[in-house]
């Protein structure tokens, strides 16, 4: 029987991103710096939505759009260009879409955002969430009611978490992992929440709380354990030029879900996610940096390094026969509205 459920269910805050690259260093007060590059596009929760959709996953997004130009542009990109289902989303009259300016310098970036809290909460947007194969969520200190409903529907929850500005790293948050199938924090977050001193120790602790635990390590790759299969994997990062790291973690998460839905072994899932995230940092950040099948296929076909050919040889059997058309990367400015 065909499974017509969404592959991925998402909710969160949408941003309009303006990314400036090639700065070399942040500007000082009163100084003007000319950049070598610029790109714009949807950001925030759109990073996950586009990354998932570009791997052919049926992606359903519940977010809030303003009634402004930025929202209209983001809606056109998400639904019209990328095929994301926006039927659970709402438009809020008199509320403007948050705008973020990202100043990318080397492997890091600084963000400046203007906006207000949306008039609809995640729980209001989701209500009784539709049954979906997976949901990619961002855990927060205050549990969201819709998560328990989604888990009860049979939806597998893949979760990450953000930096805690209070630096309290409350262990209460880890209680939400009882609803989750997988947890994918970065190294600093994982060690802070588990009160451990290494990524390996943090992974071992998280593996006691959730079936699949992943710890991302940036330039050092990623570690993972799957308690349901007994698999463990430790894969290195790829040596790729970094233009902008914005959204790389979201690409990692969406790629890991795509490979998981395909039933791949853990090491293949992890290598695939590390690769996709690595390919994304070569382009202006935000949603439109996601490589999709096209980007992964192009990388594989151009690869000559024997060691990498062996490590990623599984792609020969995993890549679709038709990887699709070239993906659209972030334009310098949004195109003029179509009439």
Protein backbone atom coordinates (compact mmCIF):
# COMPACT_ATOMS: atom_id res chain seq x y z
CA UNK A 1 0.00 0.00 0.00
CA UNK A 2 1.30 3.43 -0.90
CA UNK A 3 2.19 5.66 2.04
CA UNK A 4 0.75 9.08 1.22
CA UNK A 5 1.80 10.69 4.50
CA UNK A 6 4.25 13.61 4.36
CA UNK A 7 7.81 12.38 4.65
CA UNK A 8 8.77 15.35 6.82
CA UNK A 9 6.65 17.63 9.01
CA UNK A 10 8.13 20.97 10.07
CA UNK A 11 7.16 24.01 12.07
CA UNK A 12 9.15 27.03 13.17
CA UNK A 13 9.92 30.66 12.45
CA UNK A 14 10.59 31.83 8.90
CA UNK A 15 13.12 34.56 8.15
CA UNK A 16 14.15 36.51 5.09
CA UNK A 17 17.96 36.17 5.01
CA UNK A 18 20.44 38.58 3.46
CA UNK A 19 23.90 36.99 3.58
CA UNK A 20 27.09 39.00 3.01
CA UNK A 21 30.26 36.98 2.39
CA UNK A 22 33.93 37.63 1.75
CA UNK A 23 34.31 40.12 4.59
CA UNK A 24 37.55 38.70 5.93
CA UNK A 25 36.79 40.27 9.30
CA UNK A 26 33.82 41.97 10.98
CA UNK A 27 33.55 45.74 10.50
CA UNK A 28 34.42 48.05 13.38
CA UNK A 29 32.08 50.87 14.48
CA UNK A 30 32.11 53.70 11.95
CA UNK A 31 33.81 51.56 9.29
CA UNK A 32 32.47 50.56 5.87
CA UNK A 33 33.58 47.27 4.33
CA UNK A 34 32.76 46.23 0.79
CA UNK A 35 31.89 42.55 0.46
CA UNK A 36 32.92 40.10 -2.22
CA UNK A 37 29.59 38.30 -2.27
CA UNK A 38 25.93 38.52 -1.36
CA UNK A 39 22.89 36.27 -1.49
CA UNK A 40 19.31 36.38 -0.32
CA UNK A 41 16.54 33.88 0.30
CA UNK A 42 14.32 32.21 2.88
CA UNK A 43 15.96 31.26 6.18
CA UNK A 44 15.11 29.87 9.59
CA UNK A 45 12.78 26.90 9.30
CA UNK A 46 13.01 27.23 5.50
CA UNK A 47 16.55 25.82 5.74
CA UNK A 48 15.17 22.46 6.79
CA UNK A 49 12.23 22.59 4.39
CA UNK A 50 14.31 23.22 1.28
CA UNK A 51 17.05 20.78 2.28
CA UNK A 52 14.47 18.01 2.71
CA UNK A 53 12.50 18.85 -0.43
CA UNK A 54 15.66 18.81 -2.56
CA UNK A 55 16.15 15.17 -1.59
CA UNK A 56 12.71 14.36 -2.95
CA UNK A 57 10.98 14.19 0.43
CA UNK A 58 7.33 15.23 0.65
CA UNK A 59 7.75 18.18 2.98
CA UNK A 60 4.95 19.92 4.88
CA UNK A 61 5.68 23.22 6.65
CA UNK A 62 3.61 25.07 9.25
CA UNK A 63 4.94 28.60 9.66
CA UNK A 64 3.75 32.20 9.78
CA UNK A 65 4.10 34.52 6.78
CA UNK A 66 3.84 38.26 7.08
CA UNK A 67 1.78 40.28 4.63
CA UNK A 68 4.86 41.90 3.09
CA UNK A 69 7.17 41.58 0.10
CA UNK A 70 9.62 39.35 1.99
CA UNK A 71 6.88 36.84 2.77
CA UNK A 72 5.58 36.82 -0.79
CA UNK A 73 9.05 36.11 -2.10
CA UNK A 74 9.70 33.35 0.47
CA UNK A 75 6.33 31.75 -0.27
CA UNK A 76 7.08 31.70 -4.00
CA UNK A 77 10.48 30.10 -3.41
CA UNK A 78 9.19 27.48 -0.98
CA UNK A 79 5.98 26.45 -2.72
CA UNK A 80 6.51 27.50 -6.32
CA UNK A 81 10.20 26.69 -6.75
CA UNK A 82 10.88 23.95 -4.20
CA UNK A 83 7.48 22.21 -3.97
CA UNK A 84 7.06 22.52 -0.19
CA UNK A 85 3.49 22.04 1.06
CA UNK A 86 2.47 25.23 2.87
CA UNK A 87 -1.15 24.30 3.56
CA UNK A 88 -0.60 24.22 7.36
CA UNK A 89 0.92 27.74 7.28
CA UNK A 90 -0.85 31.04 8.00
CA UNK A 91 -0.52 34.65 6.90
CA UNK A 92 -0.67 37.29 9.64
CA UNK A 93 -1.98 40.68 8.58
CA UNK A 94 -0.01 43.63 9.92
CA UNK A 95 2.93 41.46 10.97
CA UNK A 96 6.17 41.60 9.03
CA UNK A 97 8.45 38.71 8.24
CA UNK A 98 11.63 38.77 10.37
CA UNK A 99 14.72 39.83 8.45
CA UNK A 100 18.24 38.63 9.25
CA UNK A 101 21.49 40.05 7.91
CA UNK A 102 24.32 37.51 8.15
CA UNK A 103 27.92 38.72 8.06
CA UNK A 104 29.99 35.66 7.13
CA UNK A 105 33.67 35.76 8.08
CA UNK A 106 35.65 32.58 7.45
CA UNK A 107 34.11 29.63 9.29
CA UNK A 108 31.78 31.76 11.41
CA UNK A 109 29.23 34.51 11.03
CA UNK A 110 27.49 37.29 12.96
CA UNK A 111 23.73 37.78 12.70
CA UNK A 112 21.60 40.90 13.04
CA UNK A 113 17.84 40.31 13.05
CA UNK A 114 14.82 42.62 13.05
CA UNK A 115 11.45 41.15 13.89
CA UNK A 116 8.82 40.33 16.46
CA UNK A 117 7.41 37.11 17.86
CA UNK A 118 4.79 35.62 15.51
CA UNK A 119 1.11 35.94 16.43
CA UNK A 120 0.61 32.16 16.22
CA UNK A 121 2.48 29.62 18.35
CA UNK A 122 3.73 26.28 17.07
CA UNK A 123 0.91 24.53 18.91
CA UNK A 124 -1.67 26.87 17.35
CA UNK A 125 -0.24 26.22 13.88
CA UNK A 126 -0.09 22.47 14.32
CA UNK A 127 -3.26 21.83 16.30
CA UNK A 128 -3.73 18.09 15.87
CA UNK A 129 -0.75 17.45 13.58
CA UNK A 130 -1.27 15.28 10.52
CA UNK A 131 0.32 11.85 10.58
CA UNK A 132 3.77 12.07 8.98
CA UNK A 133 6.65 9.66 8.57
CA UNK A 134 9.05 12.00 10.39
CA UNK A 135 9.17 15.41 12.00
CA UNK A 136 12.30 17.53 12.32
CA UNK A 137 12.04 19.64 15.46
CA UNK A 138 14.03 22.09 17.52
CA UNK A 139 13.66 21.29 21.23
CA UNK A 140 13.11 24.21 23.57
CA UNK A 141 12.93 24.49 27.35
CA UNK A 142 9.13 24.63 27.25
CA UNK A 143 7.79 21.40 25.69
CA UNK A 144 5.46 21.80 22.70
CA UNK A 145 2.15 19.98 23.03
CA UNK A 146 2.07 19.04 19.34
CA UNK A 147 5.20 16.88 19.71
CA UNK A 148 3.46 14.37 21.96
CA UNK A 149 0.51 14.27 19.58
CA UNK A 150 2.78 13.69 16.59
CA UNK A 151 4.67 10.92 18.37
CA UNK A 152 1.34 9.29 19.28
CA UNK A 153 0.43 9.39 15.56
CA UNK A 154 3.45 7.23 14.79
CA UNK A 155 5.60 10.12 13.55
CA UNK A 156 9.29 9.57 14.21
CA UNK A 157 10.75 12.68 15.84
CA UNK A 158 14.25 13.79 14.84
CA UNK A 159 15.33 16.60 17.16
CA UNK A 160 18.11 19.09 17.60
CA UNK A 161 18.63 21.85 20.15
CA UNK A 162 20.11 25.33 20.25
CA UNK A 163 22.63 27.14 22.39
CA UNK A 164 21.31 27.98 25.85
CA UNK A 165 22.01 31.70 26.47
CA UNK A 166 21.38 31.16 30.20
CA UNK A 167 24.12 28.50 30.24
CA UNK A 168 22.02 26.49 32.68
CA UNK A 169 21.68 23.54 30.27
CA UNK A 170 18.68 22.21 32.16
CA UNK A 171 18.49 18.43 32.13
CA UNK A 172 14.72 18.78 32.05
CA UNK A 173 15.06 19.34 28.30
CA UNK A 174 16.51 15.86 27.91
CA UNK A 175 13.24 14.50 29.27
CA UNK A 176 11.67 15.36 25.92
CA UNK A 177 13.89 12.74 24.28
CA UNK A 178 11.38 10.14 25.44
CA UNK A 179 9.26 11.33 22.49
CA UNK A 180 12.15 11.24 20.01
CA UNK A 181 13.60 8.65 17.68
CA UNK A 182 16.83 10.59 17.11
CA UNK A 183 18.70 13.49 18.69
CA UNK A 184 21.34 15.45 16.74
CA UNK A 185 23.05 18.14 18.88
CA UNK A 186 26.46 19.61 18.19
CA UNK A 187 29.46 18.75 20.34
CA UNK A 188 29.26 21.76 22.67
CA UNK A 189 25.53 21.30 23.26
CA UNK A 190 25.83 17.55 23.79
CA UNK A 191 28.58 17.88 26.39
CA UNK A 192 26.82 20.72 28.19
CA UNK A 193 23.48 18.92 28.52
CA UNK A 194 25.06 15.61 29.56
CA UNK A 195 27.69 17.16 31.87
CA UNK A 196 30.44 15.22 30.11
CA UNK A 197 33.89 16.22 28.91
CA UNK A 198 34.06 14.73 25.41
CA UNK A 199 31.89 14.09 22.39
CA UNK A 200 32.33 10.34 22.85
CA UNK A 201 31.16 10.44 26.47
CA UNK A 202 28.23 12.68 25.55
CA UNK A 203 27.20 10.29 22.78
CA UNK A 204 27.27 7.34 25.17
CA UNK A 205 25.00 9.19 27.60
CA UNK A 206 22.57 10.29 24.90
CA UNK A 207 22.48 6.77 23.52
CA UNK A 208 20.84 5.72 26.79
CA UNK A 209 18.02 8.23 26.25
CA UNK A 210 17.11 7.94 22.56
CA UNK A 211 17.32 5.15 19.94
CA UNK A 212 19.58 7.12 17.58
CA UNK A 213 22.06 9.68 18.92
CA UNK A 214 24.29 11.85 16.75
CA UNK A 215 26.91 14.39 17.84
CA UNK A 216 28.12 16.77 15.13
CA UNK A 217 31.67 18.12 15.45
CA UNK A 218 32.00 20.72 12.70
CA UNK A 219 35.43 20.39 11.12
CA UNK A 220 35.99 17.12 12.97
CA UNK A 221 33.02 15.31 11.42
CA UNK A 222 30.35 13.49 13.42
CA UNK A 223 29.73 10.53 15.73
CA UNK A 224 26.58 8.42 15.98
CA UNK A 225 25.13 5.36 17.64
CA UNK A 226 21.98 3.43 16.73
CA UNK A 227 20.80 1.38 19.69
CA UNK A 228 18.15 -0.40 17.60
CA UNK A 229 20.79 -1.98 15.35
CA UNK A 230 23.88 -1.87 17.55
CA UNK A 231 25.75 0.27 14.99
CA UNK A 232 28.37 2.89 15.82
CA UNK A 233 29.93 5.31 13.35
CA UNK A 234 32.63 7.99 13.47
CA UNK A 235 33.21 9.84 10.20
CA UNK A 236 35.52 12.76 9.40
CA UNK A 237 34.52 16.03 7.80
CA UNK A 238 35.44 16.77 4.22
CA UNK A 239 38.09 19.31 3.30
CA UNK A 240 35.91 21.78 1.42
CA UNK A 241 36.19 25.53 1.01
CA UNK A 242 33.82 27.44 3.31
CA UNK A 243 31.97 30.45 1.93
CA UNK A 244 29.21 30.59 4.56
CA UNK A 245 28.30 28.06 7.27
CA UNK A 246 24.77 29.41 7.80
CA UNK A 247 22.24 26.57 7.77
CA UNK A 248 24.80 23.74 7.52
CA UNK A 249 23.38 22.07 10.63
CA UNK A 250 19.91 22.09 9.10
CA UNK A 251 21.21 20.50 5.91
CA UNK A 252 22.92 17.84 8.03
CA UNK A 253 19.66 17.03 9.82
CA UNK A 254 17.52 16.89 6.68
CA UNK A 255 20.10 14.73 4.91
CA UNK A 256 20.30 12.32 7.83
CA UNK A 257 16.51 11.97 7.78
CA UNK A 258 16.50 11.37 4.01
CA UNK A 259 19.08 8.60 4.35
CA UNK A 260 17.25 7.15 7.36
CA UNK A 261 13.99 6.96 5.43
CA UNK A 262 15.94 5.07 2.79
CA UNK A 263 16.94 2.46 5.38
CA UNK A 264 20.68 3.03 4.94
CA UNK A 265 23.29 1.67 7.39
CA UNK A 266 24.35 4.14 10.06
CA UNK A 267 27.80 4.91 8.62
CA UNK A 268 26.27 5.68 5.22
CA UNK A 269 23.65 7.93 6.84
CA UNK A 270 26.34 9.81 8.71
CA UNK A 271 28.72 10.16 5.76
CA UNK A 272 25.86 11.37 3.56
CA UNK A 273 24.83 14.02 6.11
CA UNK A 274 28.43 15.19 6.57
CA UNK A 275 28.82 15.44 2.78
CA UNK A 276 25.59 17.36 2.21
CA UNK A 277 26.37 19.81 5.01
CA UNK A 278 29.89 20.26 3.61
CA UNK A 279 28.57 20.98 0.13
CA UNK A 280 26.16 23.57 1.52
CA UNK A 281 28.89 25.77 3.04
CA UNK A 282 30.34 26.41 -0.43
CA UNK A 283 27.37 28.65 -1.25
CA UNK A 284 25.63 31.59 0.34
CA UNK A 285 23.87 30.32 3.44
CA UNK A 286 20.23 29.89 4.21
CA UNK A 287 17.81 27.55 2.55
CA UNK A 288 19.09 27.86 -0.99
CA UNK A 289 22.57 26.54 -0.17
CA UNK A 290 21.18 23.00 0.20
CA UNK A 291 22.76 20.72 -2.44
CA UNK A 292 19.94 18.20 -2.97
CA UNK A 293 20.46 15.11 -5.10
CA UNK A 294 21.79 17.29 -7.92
CA UNK A 295 24.64 18.68 -5.83
CA UNK A 296 25.60 15.31 -4.36
CA UNK A 297 25.51 13.65 -7.79
CA UNK A 298 27.69 16.37 -9.28
CA UNK A 299 30.24 16.01 -6.47
CA UNK A 300 30.36 12.22 -6.84
CA UNK A 301 30.82 12.34 -10.61
CA UNK A 302 33.69 14.83 -10.31
CA UNK A 303 35.44 12.97 -7.46
CA UNK A 304 38.94 11.64 -8.26
CA UNK A 305 40.43 11.08 -4.79
CA UNK A 306 40.81 7.26 -4.41
CA UNK A 307 40.25 7.26 -0.64
CA UNK A 308 37.07 9.30 -0.93
CA UNK A 309 35.88 7.14 -3.83
CA UNK A 310 36.15 4.15 -1.52
CA UNK A 311 34.60 5.86 1.50
CA UNK A 312 31.66 7.17 -0.50
CA UNK A 313 31.36 4.25 -2.90
CA UNK A 314 27.88 3.53 -1.55
CA UNK A 315 26.64 6.57 -3.47
CA UNK A 316 26.96 4.61 -6.71
CA UNK A 317 23.98 2.53 -5.54
CA UNK A 318 22.15 5.26 -3.64
CA UNK A 319 22.02 8.15 -6.10
CA UNK A 320 18.84 8.31 -8.18
CA UNK A 321 19.12 7.70 -11.90
CA UNK A 322 17.75 11.21 -12.44
CA UNK A 323 19.13 13.63 -9.83
CA UNK A 324 16.93 16.40 -11.18
CA UNK A 325 17.75 19.80 -12.63
CA UNK A 326 20.41 22.12 -11.20
CA UNK A 327 19.34 23.62 -7.89
CA UNK A 328 18.75 27.36 -7.62
CA UNK A 329 21.26 29.02 -5.33
CA UNK A 330 20.68 32.31 -3.52
CA UNK A 331 20.36 35.27 -5.88
CA UNK A 332 22.02 38.59 -5.10
CA UNK A 333 18.59 40.22 -5.01
CA UNK A 334 15.14 38.68 -5.33
CA UNK A 335 13.70 38.73 -8.85
CA UNK A 336 10.98 41.19 -9.74
CA UNK A 337 7.44 39.91 -9.00
CA UNK A 338 5.83 38.01 -11.86
CA UNK A 339 2.61 39.44 -13.27
